[in-house]
């Protein structure tokens, strides 16, 4: 979708297929510009299926659009810090040169650590 396409242009195109309930155009938080896609909600599922069939590949604002059914976002995984740097929020972590494979020291007393090693 063209980044300069407005909500009313999108609604005008998609209302040719059926009754549009809402058009949502997500914007970038930093710049406030549209992110290049939109969500269109119809009153009936049959109108949405018809829009996918008829409008997929059409041109809007000089760019070809792709029309598909919205998918739920997959759940986000927590970040993995199994590498050289500490997590950016840890005190003294991130940045700094030196390189090497620095790992966080294990917590607990030495006796605790030795006991864990013996049990392996």
C-alpha atoms as a PDB file:
ATOM      1  CA  UNK A   1       0.000   0.000   0.000  1.00  0.00           C
ATOM      2  CA  UNK A   2       1.223   3.500  -0.746  1.00  0.00           C
ATOM      3  CA  UNK A   3       2.353   5.370   2.383  1.00  0.00           C
ATOM      4  CA  UNK A   4       0.410   8.461   1.286  1.00  0.00           C
ATOM      5  CA  UNK A   5      -2.928   6.616   0.956  1.00  0.00           C
ATOM      6  CA  UNK A   6      -5.528   8.089   3.270  1.00  0.00           C
ATOM      7  CA  UNK A   7      -8.142   6.335   5.342  1.00  0.00           C
ATOM      8  CA  UNK A   8     -10.926   7.779   3.177  1.00  0.00           C
ATOM      9  CA  UNK A   9      -9.282   6.518  -0.058  1.00  0.00           C
ATOM     10  CA  UNK A  10      -8.993   3.033   1.397  1.00  0.00           C
ATOM     11  CA  UNK A  11     -12.588   3.123   2.612  1.00  0.00           C
ATOM     12  CA  UNK A  12     -13.811   4.295  -0.809  1.00  0.00           C
ATOM     13  CA  UNK A  13     -12.065   1.409  -2.575  1.00  0.00           C
ATOM     14  CA  UNK A  14     -13.168  -1.287  -0.148  1.00  0.00           C
ATOM     15  CA  UNK A  15     -16.765  -0.025   0.142  1.00  0.00           C
ATOM     16  CA  UNK A  16     -17.249  -0.989  -3.529  1.00  0.00           C
ATOM     17  CA  UNK A  17     -17.345  -4.599  -2.336  1.00  0.00           C
ATOM     18  CA  UNK A  18     -19.520  -4.299   0.785  1.00  0.00           C
ATOM     19  CA  UNK A  19     -20.487  -2.250   3.834  1.00  0.00           C
ATOM     20  CA  UNK A  20     -17.327  -1.155   5.670  1.00  0.00           C
ATOM     21  CA  UNK A  21     -17.558  -0.863   9.457  1.00  0.00           C
ATOM     22  CA  UNK A  22     -14.086   0.516  10.138  1.00  0.00           C
ATOM     23  CA  UNK A  23     -10.754   1.229   8.448  1.00  0.00           C
ATOM     24  CA  UNK A  24      -7.699   1.297  10.713  1.00  0.00           C
ATOM     25  CA  UNK A  25      -4.367   2.563   9.363  1.00  0.00           C
ATOM     26  CA  UNK A  26      -1.532   1.897  11.869  1.00  0.00           C
ATOM     27  CA  UNK A  27       1.089   4.645  12.133  1.00  0.00           C
ATOM     28  CA  UNK A  28       4.726   4.639  13.155  1.00  0.00           C
ATOM     29  CA  UNK A  29       5.213   5.861  16.728  1.00  0.00           C
ATOM     30  CA  UNK A  30       8.344   7.852  15.982  1.00  0.00           C
ATOM     31  CA  UNK A  31       7.420   9.583  12.723  1.00  0.00           C
ATOM     32  CA  UNK A  32       3.613   9.428  12.773  1.00  0.00           C
ATOM     33  CA  UNK A  33       3.610   8.196   9.155  1.00  0.00           C
ATOM     34  CA  UNK A  34       1.401   5.283   8.054  1.00  0.00           C
ATOM     35  CA  UNK A  35       3.184   1.929   8.235  1.00  0.00           C
ATOM     36  CA  UNK A  36       2.110   0.782   4.758  1.00  0.00           C
ATOM     37  CA  UNK A  37      -0.853  -1.440   5.615  1.00  0.00           C
ATOM     38  CA  UNK A  38      -4.409  -1.136   6.896  1.00  0.00           C
ATOM     39  CA  UNK A  39      -7.180  -3.207   8.459  1.00  0.00           C
ATOM     40  CA  UNK A  40     -10.661  -3.081   6.947  1.00  0.00           C
ATOM     41  CA  UNK A  41     -13.640  -4.491   8.845  1.00  0.00           C
ATOM     42  CA  UNK A  42     -16.869  -5.418   7.067  1.00  0.00           C
ATOM     43  CA  UNK A  43     -20.364  -5.993   8.440  1.00  0.00           C
ATOM     44  CA  UNK A  44     -20.466  -9.481   6.859  1.00  0.00           C
ATOM     45  CA  UNK A  45     -17.797 -12.149   6.395  1.00  0.00           C
ATOM     46  CA  UNK A  46     -18.971 -12.741   2.825  1.00  0.00           C
ATOM     47  CA  UNK A  47     -18.022  -9.152   1.930  1.00  0.00           C
ATOM     48  CA  UNK A  48     -14.524  -9.698   3.357  1.00  0.00           C
ATOM     49  CA  UNK A  49     -14.095 -12.869   1.278  1.00  0.00           C
ATOM     50  CA  UNK A  50     -15.305 -10.992  -1.800  1.00  0.00           C
ATOM     51  CA  UNK A  51     -12.825  -8.152  -1.121  1.00  0.00           C
ATOM     52  CA  UNK A  52      -9.956 -10.641  -0.908  1.00  0.00           C
ATOM     53  CA  UNK A  53     -11.028 -12.212  -4.188  1.00  0.00           C
ATOM     54  CA  UNK A  54     -11.679  -9.001  -6.129  1.00  0.00           C
ATOM     55  CA  UNK A  55      -9.246  -6.433  -4.714  1.00  0.00           C
ATOM     56  CA  UNK A  56      -6.096  -8.494  -4.235  1.00  0.00           C
ATOM     57  CA  UNK A  57      -3.581  -7.212  -6.800  1.00  0.00           C
ATOM     58  CA  UNK A  58      -5.508  -3.999  -7.572  1.00  0.00           C
ATOM     59  CA  UNK A  59      -3.734  -0.654  -7.604  1.00  0.00           C
ATOM     60  CA  UNK A  60      -4.224   2.025  -4.950  1.00  0.00           C
ATOM     61  CA  UNK A  61      -2.204   5.231  -5.035  1.00  0.00           C
ATOM     62  CA  UNK A  62       0.105   3.912  -7.731  1.00  0.00           C
ATOM     63  CA  UNK A  63       1.023   0.713  -5.873  1.00  0.00           C
ATOM     64  CA  UNK A  64      -0.344  -2.788  -6.114  1.00  0.00           C
ATOM     65  CA  UNK A  65      -2.090  -3.864  -2.899  1.00  0.00           C
ATOM     66  CA  UNK A  66      -2.235  -7.283  -1.308  1.00  0.00           C
ATOM     67  CA  UNK A  67      -5.532  -8.155   0.349  1.00  0.00           C
ATOM     68  CA  UNK A  68      -5.562 -11.052   2.815  1.00  0.00           C
ATOM     69  CA  UNK A  69      -7.414 -12.068   5.939  1.00  0.00           C
ATOM     70  CA  UNK A  70      -5.848 -10.647   9.099  1.00  0.00           C
ATOM     71  CA  UNK A  71      -3.879 -13.176  11.137  1.00  0.00           C
ATOM     72  CA  UNK A  72      -3.332 -13.125  14.891  1.00  0.00           C
ATOM     73  CA  UNK A  73       0.148 -12.116  15.893  1.00  0.00           C
ATOM     74  CA  UNK A  74       2.285 -14.995  17.123  1.00  0.00           C
ATOM     75  CA  UNK A  75       3.168 -14.721  20.818  1.00  0.00           C
ATOM     76  CA  UNK A  76       6.407 -12.845  21.455  1.00  0.00           C
ATOM     77  CA  UNK A  77       9.346 -14.766  22.824  1.00  0.00           C
ATOM     78  CA  UNK A  78      11.400 -13.160  25.555  1.00  0.00           C
ATOM     79  CA  UNK A  79      14.779 -11.992  24.287  1.00  0.00           C
ATOM     80  CA  UNK A  80      17.598 -14.486  24.496  1.00  0.00           C
ATOM     81  CA  UNK A  81      20.885 -13.234  25.913  1.00  0.00           C
ATOM     82  CA  UNK A  82      23.008 -16.303  25.250  1.00  0.00           C
ATOM     83  CA  UNK A  83      25.853 -14.436  23.698  1.00  0.00           C
ATOM     84  CA  UNK A  84      28.697 -12.087  24.447  1.00  0.00           C
ATOM     85  CA  UNK A  85      26.792  -9.064  25.735  1.00  0.00           C
ATOM     86  CA  UNK A  86      24.751  -8.632  28.845  1.00  0.00           C
ATOM     87  CA  UNK A  87      21.133  -7.543  28.501  1.00  0.00           C
ATOM     88  CA  UNK A  88      20.948  -3.788  27.872  1.00  0.00           C
ATOM     89  CA  UNK A  89      19.051  -3.173  31.117  1.00  0.00           C
ATOM     90  CA  UNK A  90      21.597  -4.897  33.380  1.00  0.00           C
ATOM     91  CA  UNK A  91      23.916  -2.633  35.357  1.00  0.00           C
ATOM     92  CA  UNK A  92      27.236  -2.385  33.570  1.00  0.00           C
ATOM     93  CA  UNK A  93      25.937  -4.398  30.626  1.00  0.00           C
ATOM     94  CA  UNK A  94      25.903  -3.777  26.914  1.00  0.00           C
ATOM     95  CA  UNK A  95      28.290  -1.741  24.864  1.00  0.00           C
ATOM     96  CA  UNK A  96      31.862  -1.415  25.984  1.00  0.00           C
ATOM     97  CA  UNK A  97      34.505  -3.192  23.807  1.00  0.00           C
ATOM     98  CA  UNK A  98      36.780  -5.818  25.150  1.00  0.00           C
ATOM     99  CA  UNK A  99      34.988  -8.553  23.260  1.00  0.00           C
ATOM    100  CA  UNK A 100      35.299 -12.100  24.447  1.00  0.00           C
ATOM    101  CA  UNK A 101      32.533 -14.310  25.682  1.00  0.00           C
ATOM    102  CA  UNK A 102      31.556 -12.653  28.956  1.00  0.00           C
ATOM    103  CA  UNK A 103      28.887 -14.435  30.910  1.00  0.00           C
ATOM    104  CA  UNK A 104      27.146 -13.345  34.097  1.00  0.00           C
ATOM    105  CA  UNK A 105      28.525 -14.900  37.274  1.00  0.00           C
ATOM    106  CA  UNK A 106      26.222 -17.460  38.850  1.00  0.00           C
ATOM    107  CA  UNK A 107      24.383 -16.387  41.978  1.00  0.00           C
ATOM    108  CA  UNK A 108      24.755 -18.155  45.303  1.00  0.00           C
ATOM    109  CA  UNK A 109      27.538 -19.251  47.624  1.00  0.00           C
ATOM    110  CA  UNK A 110      30.538 -21.299  46.527  1.00  0.00           C
ATOM    111  CA  UNK A 111      29.321 -24.246  48.571  1.00  0.00           C
ATOM    112  CA  UNK A 112      26.045 -24.142  46.664  1.00  0.00           C
ATOM    113  CA  UNK A 113      27.860 -24.122  43.313  1.00  0.00           C
ATOM    114  CA  UNK A 114      30.156 -27.010  44.293  1.00  0.00           C
ATOM    115  CA  UNK A 115      27.127 -29.027  45.394  1.00  0.00           C
ATOM    116  CA  UNK A 116      25.459 -28.425  42.049  1.00  0.00           C
ATOM    117  CA  UNK A 117      28.594 -29.525  40.193  1.00  0.00           C
ATOM    118  CA  UNK A 118      28.791 -32.746  42.212  1.00  0.00           C
ATOM    119  CA  UNK A 119      25.190 -33.607  41.443  1.00  0.00           C
ATOM    120  CA  UNK A 120      25.811 -33.492  37.711  1.00  0.00           C
END
